[in-house]
Amino acid sequence: MAKVFAILMMVAGIWVGVELFTEGRAGAFGGRLAPLFGMDETEIAQDAPLGHRAGGSVAEAHRDSENRLDRLLTGE
Protein backbone atom coordinates (compact mmCIF):
# COMPACT_ATOMS: atom_id res chain seq x y z
CA MET A 1 0.00 0.00 0.00
CA ALA A 2 2.89 2.36 0.74
CA LYS A 3 4.32 1.80 -2.75
CA VAL A 4 0.98 2.65 -4.37
CA PHE A 5 0.75 5.81 -2.29
CA ALA A 6 4.34 6.78 -3.19
CA ILE A 7 3.67 6.26 -6.90
CA LEU A 8 0.46 8.29 -6.63
CA MET A 9 2.33 11.13 -4.93
CA MET A 10 5.04 11.08 -7.61
CA VAL A 11 2.44 11.24 -10.39
CA ALA A 12 0.67 14.11 -8.62
CA GLY A 13 3.99 15.94 -8.16
CA ILE A 14 4.88 15.54 -11.83
CA TRP A 15 1.40 16.75 -12.83
CA VAL A 16 1.71 19.86 -10.64
CA GLY A 17 5.21 20.54 -11.99
CA VAL A 18 4.14 20.22 -15.61
CA GLU A 19 1.10 22.44 -14.99
CA LEU A 20 3.27 25.13 -13.42
CA PHE A 21 5.86 24.84 -16.19
CA THR A 22 3.39 25.07 -19.08
CA GLU A 23 0.92 27.59 -17.64
CA GLY A 24 3.13 29.66 -15.36
CA ARG A 25 2.44 30.46 -11.73
CA ALA A 26 -0.45 32.74 -12.61
CA GLY A 27 -2.25 30.42 -15.02
CA ALA A 28 -1.77 27.06 -13.34
CA PHE A 29 -5.00 25.42 -12.28
CA GLY A 30 -7.07 28.29 -13.66
CA GLY A 31 -5.18 30.93 -11.67
CA ARG A 32 -6.15 29.47 -8.33
CA LEU A 33 -2.52 29.34 -7.16
CA ALA A 34 -1.71 32.99 -7.92
CA PRO A 35 -2.79 34.28 -4.48
CA LEU A 36 -0.58 31.66 -2.83
CA PHE A 37 2.40 33.20 -4.62
CA GLY A 38 1.35 36.69 -3.46
CA MET A 39 0.73 37.93 -7.00
CA ASP A 40 -1.43 40.95 -7.83
CA GLU A 41 -3.19 41.57 -11.16
CA THR A 42 -0.20 43.13 -12.95
CA GLU A 43 2.12 40.34 -11.89
CA ILE A 44 -0.41 37.77 -13.04
CA ALA A 45 -0.53 39.34 -16.50
CA GLN A 46 3.28 39.46 -16.70
CA ASP A 47 3.66 35.85 -15.57
CA ALA A 48 1.50 34.42 -18.36
CA PRO A 49 3.19 31.76 -20.50
CA LEU A 50 4.88 32.82 -23.70
CA GLY A 51 2.14 31.40 -25.91
CA HIS A 52 -0.55 33.40 -24.15
CA ARG A 53 1.50 36.60 -24.22
CA ALA A 54 2.22 36.13 -27.93
CA GLY A 55 -1.44 35.45 -28.63
CA GLY A 56 -2.40 38.65 -26.84
CA SER A 57 0.12 40.64 -28.88
CA VAL A 58 -1.18 39.17 -32.13
CA ALA A 59 -4.79 39.92 -31.17
CA GLU A 60 -3.82 43.49 -30.30
CA ALA A 61 -2.04 43.88 -33.65
CA HIS A 62 -5.14 42.64 -35.49
CA ARG A 63 -7.34 45.14 -33.62
CA ASP A 64 -4.92 47.97 -34.44
CA SER A 65 -4.90 46.95 -38.09
CA GLU A 66 -8.70 46.83 -38.25
CA ASN A 67 -8.98 50.24 -36.57
CA ARG A 68 -6.44 51.72 -38.98
CA LEU A 69 -8.32 50.28 -41.97
CA ASP A 70 -11.63 51.64 -40.64
CA ARG A 71 -10.09 55.12 -40.25
CA LEU A 72 -8.74 55.00 -43.81
CA LEU A 73 -12.06 53.85 -45.28
CA THR A 74 -14.15 56.42 -43.43
CA GLY A 75 -11.76 59.25 -44.35
CA GLU A 76 -11.00 60.39 -40.81
PDB file of N, CA and C in Angstrom:
ATOM      1  N   MET A   1       0.827  -1.194   0.000  1.00  0.00           N
ATOM      2  CA  MET A   1       0.000   0.000   0.000  1.00  0.00           C
ATOM      3  C   MET A   1       0.870   1.256   0.000  1.00  0.00           C
ATOM      4  N   ALA A   2       1.996   1.199   0.687  1.00  0.00           N
ATOM      5  CA  ALA A   2       2.886   2.361   0.739  1.00  0.00           C
ATOM      6  C   ALA A   2       3.493   2.655  -0.632  1.00  0.00           C
ATOM      7  N   LYS A   3       3.755   1.598  -1.408  1.00  0.00           N
ATOM      8  CA  LYS A   3       4.317   1.797  -2.748  1.00  0.00           C
ATOM      9  C   LYS A   3       3.291   2.460  -3.665  1.00  0.00           C
ATOM     10  N   VAL A   4       2.049   2.052  -3.550  1.00  0.00           N
ATOM     11  CA  VAL A   4       0.982   2.649  -4.366  1.00  0.00           C
ATOM     12  C   VAL A   4       0.835   4.127  -4.007  1.00  0.00           C
ATOM     13  N   PHE A   5       0.856   4.425  -2.733  1.00  0.00           N
ATOM     14  CA  PHE A   5       0.749   5.813  -2.292  1.00  0.00           C
ATOM     15  C   PHE A   5       1.941   6.639  -2.777  1.00  0.00           C
ATOM     16  N   ALA A   6       3.136   6.069  -2.717  1.00  0.00           N
ATOM     17  CA  ALA A   6       4.335   6.776  -3.185  1.00  0.00           C
ATOM     18  C   ALA A   6       4.260   7.038  -4.685  1.00  0.00           C
ATOM     19  N   ILE A   7       3.800   6.066  -5.454  1.00  0.00           N
ATOM     20  CA  ILE A   7       3.667   6.260  -6.903  1.00  0.00           C
ATOM     21  C   ILE A   7       2.610   7.324  -7.189  1.00  0.00           C
ATOM     22  N   LEU A   8       1.505   7.283  -6.461  1.00  0.00           N
ATOM     23  CA  LEU A   8       0.457   8.290  -6.633  1.00  0.00           C
ATOM     24  C   LEU A   8       0.977   9.691  -6.318  1.00  0.00           C
ATOM     25  N   MET A   9       1.756   9.828  -5.278  1.00  0.00           N
ATOM     26  CA  MET A   9       2.327  11.128  -4.926  1.00  0.00           C
ATOM     27  C   MET A   9       3.329  11.605  -5.986  1.00  0.00           C
ATOM     28  N   MET A  10       4.107  10.687  -6.553  1.00  0.00           N
ATOM     29  CA  MET A  10       5.045  11.079  -7.615  1.00  0.00           C
ATOM     30  C   MET A  10       4.297  11.543  -8.859  1.00  0.00           C
ATOM     31  N   VAL A  11       3.235  10.837  -9.222  1.00  0.00           N
ATOM     32  CA  VAL A  11       2.440  11.238 -10.385  1.00  0.00           C
ATOM     33  C   VAL A  11       1.806  12.607 -10.136  1.00  0.00           C
ATOM     34  N   ALA A  12       1.272  12.815  -8.952  1.00  0.00           N
ATOM     35  CA  ALA A  12       0.672  14.112  -8.622  1.00  0.00           C
ATOM     36  C   ALA A  12       1.723  15.218  -8.645  1.00  0.00           C
ATOM     37  N   GLY A  13       2.916  14.948  -8.133  1.00  0.00           N
ATOM     38  CA  GLY A  13       3.992  15.939  -8.159  1.00  0.00           C
ATOM     39  C   GLY A  13       4.424  16.289  -9.567  1.00  0.00           C
ATOM     40  N   ILE A  14       4.521  15.287 -10.421  1.00  0.00           N
ATOM     41  CA  ILE A  14       4.880  15.540 -11.826  1.00  0.00           C
ATOM     42  C   ILE A  14       3.785  16.347 -12.499  1.00  0.00           C
ATOM     43  N   TRP A  15       2.519  16.023 -12.222  1.00  0.00           N
ATOM     44  CA  TRP A  15       1.405  16.749 -12.829  1.00  0.00           C
ATOM     45  C   TRP A  15       1.421  18.220 -12.407  1.00  0.00           C
ATOM     46  N   VAL A  16       1.636  18.479 -11.127  1.00  0.00           N
ATOM     47  CA  VAL A  16       1.706  19.862 -10.643  1.00  0.00           C
ATOM     48  C   VAL A  16       2.893  20.586 -11.286  1.00  0.00           C
ATOM     49  N   GLY A  17       4.030  19.919 -11.373  1.00  0.00           N
ATOM     50  CA  GLY A  17       5.205  20.538 -11.989  1.00  0.00           C
ATOM     51  C   GLY A  17       4.998  20.879 -13.447  1.00  0.00           C
ATOM     52  N   VAL A  18       4.398  19.963 -14.189  1.00  0.00           N
ATOM     53  CA  VAL A  18       4.135  20.220 -15.610  1.00  0.00           C
ATOM     54  C   VAL A  18       3.127  21.352 -15.769  1.00  0.00           C
ATOM     55  N   GLU A  19       2.106  21.360 -14.934  1.00  0.00           N
ATOM     56  CA  GLU A  19       1.097  22.438 -14.989  1.00  0.00           C
ATOM     57  C   GLU A  19       1.740  23.795 -14.725  1.00  0.00           C
ATOM     58  N   LEU A  20       2.594  23.870 -13.715  1.00  0.00           N
ATOM     59  CA  LEU A  20       3.270  25.132 -13.417  1.00  0.00           C
ATOM     60  C   LEU A  20       4.229  25.520 -14.537  1.00  0.00           C
ATOM     61  N   PHE A  21       4.906  24.554 -15.131  1.00  0.00           N
ATOM     62  CA  PHE A  21       5.863  24.845 -16.193  1.00  0.00           C
ATOM     63  C   PHE A  21       5.158  25.338 -17.451  1.00  0.00           C
ATOM     64  N   THR A  22       4.052  24.703 -17.825  1.00  0.00           N
ATOM     65  CA  THR A  22       3.391  25.068 -19.076  1.00  0.00           C
ATOM     66  C   THR A  22       2.503  26.297 -18.941  1.00  0.00           C
ATOM     67  N   GLU A  23       1.870  26.483 -17.807  1.00  0.00           N
ATOM     68  CA  GLU A  23       0.921  27.590 -17.643  1.00  0.00           C
ATOM     69  C   GLU A  23       1.480  28.763 -16.856  1.00  0.00           C
ATOM     70  N   GLY A  24       2.595  28.584 -16.192  1.00  0.00           N
ATOM     71  CA  GLY A  24       3.129  29.658 -15.358  1.00  0.00           C
ATOM     72  C   GLY A  24       2.439  29.684 -14.010  1.00  0.00           C
ATOM     73  N   ARG A  25       3.022  30.410 -13.079  1.00  0.00           N
ATOM     74  CA  ARG A  25       2.440  30.458 -11.734  1.00  0.00           C
ATOM     75  C   ARG A  25       1.053  31.073 -11.741  1.00  0.00           C
ATOM     76  N   ALA A  26       0.833  32.041 -12.610  1.00  0.00           N
ATOM     77  CA  ALA A  26      -0.449  32.745 -12.613  1.00  0.00           C
ATOM     78  C   ALA A  26      -1.552  31.933 -13.285  1.00  0.00           C
ATOM     79  N   GLY A  27      -1.218  31.127 -14.273  1.00  0.00           N
ATOM     80  CA  GLY A  27      -2.250  30.415 -15.017  1.00  0.00           C
ATOM     81  C   GLY A  27      -2.481  28.992 -14.589  1.00  0.00           C
ATOM     82  N   ALA A  28      -1.628  28.453 -13.752  1.00  0.00           N
ATOM     83  CA  ALA A  28      -1.771  27.061 -13.345  1.00  0.00           C
ATOM     84  C   ALA A  28      -3.067  26.849 -12.581  1.00  0.00           C
ATOM     85  N   PHE A  29      -3.751  25.802 -12.932  1.00  0.00           N
ATOM     86  CA  PHE A  29      -5.005  25.422 -12.282  1.00  0.00           C
ATOM     87  C   PHE A  29      -6.016  26.564 -12.332  1.00  0.00           C
ATOM     88  N   GLY A  30      -6.098  27.225 -13.464  1.00  0.00           N
ATOM     89  CA  GLY A  30      -7.067  28.291 -13.660  1.00  0.00           C
ATOM     90  C   GLY A  30      -6.783  29.538 -12.853  1.00  0.00           C
ATOM     91  N   GLY A  31      -5.548  29.745 -12.437  1.00  0.00           N
ATOM     92  CA  GLY A  31      -5.179  30.926 -11.668  1.00  0.00           C
ATOM     93  C   GLY A  31      -5.434  30.813 -10.184  1.00  0.00           C
ATOM     94  N   ARG A  32      -5.819  29.640  -9.744  1.00  0.00           N
ATOM     95  CA  ARG A  32      -6.149  29.470  -8.325  1.00  0.00           C
ATOM     96  C   ARG A  32      -4.933  29.524  -7.416  1.00  0.00           C
ATOM     97  N   LEU A  33      -3.729  29.318  -7.981  1.00  0.00           N
ATOM     98  CA  LEU A  33      -2.523  29.344  -7.156  1.00  0.00           C
ATOM     99  C   LEU A  33      -1.884  30.724  -7.075  1.00  0.00           C
ATOM    100  N   ALA A  34      -2.329  31.661  -7.888  1.00  0.00           N
ATOM    101  CA  ALA A  34      -1.713  32.990  -7.920  1.00  0.00           C
ATOM    102  C   ALA A  34      -1.724  33.677  -6.554  1.00  0.00           C
ATOM    103  N   PRO A  35      -2.822  33.647  -5.805  1.00  0.00           N
ATOM    104  CA  PRO A  35      -2.786  34.283  -4.480  1.00  0.00           C
ATOM    105  C   PRO A  35      -1.792  33.623  -3.527  1.00  0.00           C
ATOM    106  N   LEU A  36      -1.553  32.335  -3.693  1.00  0.00           N
ATOM    107  CA  LEU A  36      -0.582  31.658  -2.832  1.00  0.00           C
ATOM    108  C   LEU A  36       0.834  32.175  -3.072  1.00  0.00           C
ATOM    109  N   PHE A  37       1.095  32.644  -4.296  1.00  0.00           N
ATOM    110  CA  PHE A  37       2.405  33.197  -4.621  1.00  0.00           C
ATOM    111  C   PHE A  37       2.465  34.690  -4.335  1.00  0.00           C
ATOM    112  N   GLY A  38       1.382  35.267  -3.803  1.00  0.00           N
ATOM    113  CA  GLY A  38       1.355  36.686  -3.463  1.00  0.00           C
ATOM    114  C   GLY A  38       1.380  37.582  -4.686  1.00  0.00           C
ATOM    115  N   MET A  39       0.715  37.170  -5.744  1.00  0.00           N
ATOM    116  CA  MET A  39       0.733  37.926  -6.998  1.00  0.00           C
ATOM    117  C   MET A  39      -0.496  38.823  -7.088  1.00  0.00           C
ATOM    118  N   ASP A  40      -0.293  40.074  -7.567  1.00  0.00           N
ATOM    119  CA  ASP A  40      -1.428  40.946  -7.835  1.00  0.00           C
ATOM    120  C   ASP A  40      -1.741  40.873  -9.329  1.00  0.00           C
ATOM    121  N   GLU A  41      -2.713  41.669  -9.781  1.00  0.00           N
ATOM    122  CA  GLU A  41      -3.192  41.569 -11.165  1.00  0.00           C
ATOM    123  C   GLU A  41      -2.103  41.840 -12.203  1.00  0.00           C
ATOM    124  N   THR A  42      -1.239  42.833 -11.967  1.00  0.00           N
ATOM    125  CA  THR A  42      -0.204  43.135 -12.954  1.00  0.00           C
ATOM    126  C   THR A  42       0.838  42.032 -13.022  1.00  0.00           C
ATOM    127  N   GLU A  43       1.169  41.445 -11.888  1.00  0.00           N
ATOM    128  CA  GLU A  43       2.119  40.345 -11.889  1.00  0.00           C
ATOM    129  C   GLU A  43       1.530  39.111 -12.560  1.00  0.00           C
ATOM    130  N   ILE A  44       0.245  38.908 -12.392  1.00  0.00           N
ATOM    131  CA  ILE A  44      -0.414  37.767 -13.038  1.00  0.00           C
ATOM    132  C   ILE A  44      -0.339  37.915 -14.549  1.00  0.00           C
ATOM    133  N   ALA A  45      -0.587  39.122 -15.057  1.00  0.00           N
ATOM    134  CA  ALA A  45      -0.526  39.342 -16.502  1.00  0.00           C
ATOM    135  C   ALA A  45       0.899  39.166 -17.030  1.00  0.00           C
ATOM    136  N   GLN A  46       1.893  39.573 -16.264  1.00  0.00           N
ATOM    137  CA  GLN A  46       3.279  39.458 -16.703  1.00  0.00           C
ATOM    138  C   GLN A  46       3.782  38.026 -16.622  1.00  0.00           C
ATOM    139  N   ASP A  47       3.191  37.210 -15.776  1.00  0.00           N
ATOM    140  CA  ASP A  47       3.660  35.846 -15.571  1.00  0.00           C
ATOM    141  C   ASP A  47       2.980  34.849 -16.512  1.00  0.00           C
ATOM    142  N   ALA A  48       2.169  35.329 -17.436  1.00  0.00           N
ATOM    143  CA  ALA A  48       1.501  34.421 -18.365  1.00  0.00           C
ATOM    144  C   ALA A  48       2.541  33.705 -19.229  1.00  0.00           C
ATOM    145  N   PRO A  49       2.249  32.480 -19.643  1.00  0.00           N
ATOM    146  CA  PRO A  49       3.187  31.758 -20.497  1.00  0.00           C
ATOM    147  C   PRO A  49       3.404  32.468 -21.822  1.00  0.00           C
ATOM    148  N   LEU A  50       4.501  32.153 -22.467  1.00  0.00           N
ATOM    149  CA  LEU A  50       4.881  32.821 -23.700  1.00  0.00           C
ATOM    150  C   LEU A  50       3.801  32.723 -24.769  1.00  0.00           C
ATOM    151  N   GLY A  51       3.188  31.573 -24.904  1.00  0.00           N
ATOM    152  CA  GLY A  51       2.141  31.404 -25.912  1.00  0.00           C
ATOM    153  C   GLY A  51       0.962  32.327 -25.694  1.00  0.00           C
ATOM    154  N   HIS A  52       0.567  32.508 -24.445  1.00  0.00           N
ATOM    155  CA  HIS A  52      -0.554  33.397 -24.149  1.00  0.00           C
ATOM    156  C   HIS A  52      -0.176  34.852 -24.372  1.00  0.00           C
ATOM    157  N   ARG A  53       1.058  35.218 -23.990  1.00  0.00           N
ATOM    158  CA  ARG A  53       1.497  36.598 -24.223  1.00  0.00           C
ATOM    159  C   ARG A  53       1.587  36.878 -25.711  1.00  0.00           C
ATOM    160  N   ALA A  54       2.110  35.939 -26.485  1.00  0.00           N
ATOM    161  CA  ALA A  54       2.222  36.134 -27.931  1.00  0.00           C
ATOM    162  C   ALA A  54       0.841  36.227 -28.561  1.00  0.00           C
ATOM    163  N   GLY A  55      -0.073  35.394 -28.101  1.00  0.00           N
ATOM    164  CA  GLY A  55      -1.437  35.448 -28.627  1.00  0.00           C
ATOM    165  C   GLY A  55      -2.092  36.786 -28.342  1.00  0.00           C
ATOM    166  N   GLY A  56      -1.850  37.338 -27.176  1.00  0.00           N
ATOM    167  CA  GLY A  56      -2.399  38.650 -26.842  1.00  0.00           C
ATOM    168  C   GLY A  56      -1.813  39.736 -27.718  1.00  0.00           C
ATOM    169  N   SER A  57      -0.523  39.650 -28.009  1.00  0.00           N
ATOM    170  CA  SER A  57       0.122  40.642 -28.879  1.00  0.00           C
ATOM    171  C   SER A  57      -0.426  40.555 -30.296  1.00  0.00           C
ATOM    172  N   VAL A  58      -0.642  39.347 -30.775  1.00  0.00           N
ATOM    173  CA  VAL A  58      -1.182  39.170 -32.126  1.00  0.00           C
ATOM    174  C   VAL A  58      -2.605  39.707 -32.193  1.00  0.00           C
ATOM    175  N   ALA A  59      -3.414  39.416 -31.190  1.00  0.00           N
ATOM    176  CA  ALA A  59      -4.786  39.917 -31.172  1.00  0.00           C
ATOM    177  C   ALA A  59      -4.805  41.444 -31.136  1.00  0.00           C
ATOM    178  N   GLU A  60      -3.906  42.031 -30.361  1.00  0.00           N
ATOM    179  CA  GLU A  60      -3.817  43.490 -30.297  1.00  0.00           C
ATOM    180  C   GLU A  60      -3.392  44.074 -31.649  1.00  0.00           C
ATOM    181  N   ALA A  61      -2.468  43.415 -32.335  1.00  0.00           N
ATOM    182  CA  ALA A  61      -2.036  43.879 -33.651  1.00  0.00           C
ATOM    183  C   ALA A  61      -3.178  43.799 -34.663  1.00  0.00           C
ATOM    184  N   HIS A  62      -3.983  42.754 -34.583  1.00  0.00           N
ATOM    185  CA  HIS A  62      -5.141  42.635 -35.487  1.00  0.00           C
ATOM    186  C   HIS A  62      -6.145  43.753 -35.222  1.00  0.00           C
ATOM    187  N   ARG A  63      -6.410  44.049 -33.945  1.00  0.00           N
ATOM    188  CA  ARG A  63      -7.337  45.139 -33.619  1.00  0.00           C
ATOM    189  C   ARG A  63      -6.811  46.474 -34.132  1.00  0.00           C
ATOM    190  N   ASP A  64      -5.511  46.724 -33.942  1.00  0.00           N
ATOM    191  CA  ASP A  64      -4.924  47.972 -34.435  1.00  0.00           C
ATOM    192  C   ASP A  64      -5.046  48.071 -35.948  1.00  0.00           C
ATOM    193  N   SER A  65      -4.804  46.965 -36.635  1.00  0.00           N
ATOM    194  CA  SER A  65      -4.898  46.949 -38.089  1.00  0.00           C
ATOM    195  C   SER A  65      -6.333  47.225 -38.551  1.00  0.00           C
ATOM    196  N   GLU A  66      -7.300  46.602 -37.899  1.00  0.00           N
ATOM    197  CA  GLU A  66      -8.697  46.834 -38.254  1.00  0.00           C
ATOM    198  C   GLU A  66      -9.099  48.284 -37.997  1.00  0.00           C
ATOM    199  N   ASN A  67      -8.664  48.846 -36.873  1.00  0.00           N
ATOM    200  CA  ASN A  67      -8.975  50.244 -36.571  1.00  0.00           C
ATOM    201  C   ASN A  67      -8.348  51.179 -37.592  1.00  0.00           C
ATOM    202  N   ARG A  68      -7.120  50.901 -37.990  1.00  0.00           N
ATOM    203  CA  ARG A  68      -6.435  51.721 -38.985  1.00  0.00           C
ATOM    204  C   ARG A  68      -7.169  51.650 -40.325  1.00  0.00           C
ATOM    205  N   LEU A  69      -7.590  50.452 -40.706  1.00  0.00           N
ATOM    206  CA  LEU A  69      -8.316  50.284 -41.966  1.00  0.00           C
ATOM    207  C   LEU A  69      -9.656  51.016 -41.913  1.00  0.00           C
ATOM    208  N   ASP A  70     -10.350  50.928 -40.791  1.00  0.00           N
ATOM    209  CA  ASP A  70     -11.625  51.636 -40.637  1.00  0.00           C
ATOM    210  C   ASP A  70     -11.431  53.141 -40.758  1.00  0.00           C
ATOM    211  N   ARG A  71     -10.366  53.680 -40.153  1.00  0.00           N
ATOM    212  CA  ARG A  71     -10.093  55.117 -40.254  1.00  0.00           C
ATOM    213  C   ARG A  71      -9.798  55.513 -41.690  1.00  0.00           C
ATOM    214  N   LEU A  72      -9.058  54.689 -42.417  1.00  0.00           N
ATOM    215  CA  LEU A  72      -8.736  54.999 -43.808  1.00  0.00           C
ATOM    216  C   LEU A  72      -9.982  54.958 -44.683  1.00  0.00           C
ATOM    217  N   LEU A  73     -10.865  53.990 -44.446  1.00  0.00           N
ATOM    218  CA  LEU A  73     -12.060  53.846 -45.276  1.00  0.00           C
ATOM    219  C   LEU A  73     -13.096  54.920 -44.988  1.00  0.00           C
ATOM    220  N   THR A  74     -13.172  55.393 -43.761  1.00  0.00           N
ATOM    221  CA  THR A  74     -14.153  56.417 -43.431  1.00  0.00           C
ATOM    222  C   THR A  74     -13.625  57.816 -43.715  1.00  0.00           C
ATOM    223  N   GLY A  75     -12.335  57.952 -43.996  1.00  0.00           N
ATOM    224  CA  GLY A  75     -11.757  59.247 -44.348  1.00  0.00           C
ATOM    225  C   GLY A  75     -11.433  60.128 -43.159  1.00  0.00           C
ATOM    226  N   GLU A  76     -11.313  59.584 -41.997  1.00  0.00           N
ATOM    227  CA  GLU A  76     -11.003  60.392 -40.809  1.00  0.00           C
ATOM    228  C   GLU A  76      -9.531  60.690 -40.732  1.00  0.00           C
TER     229      GLU A  76
END
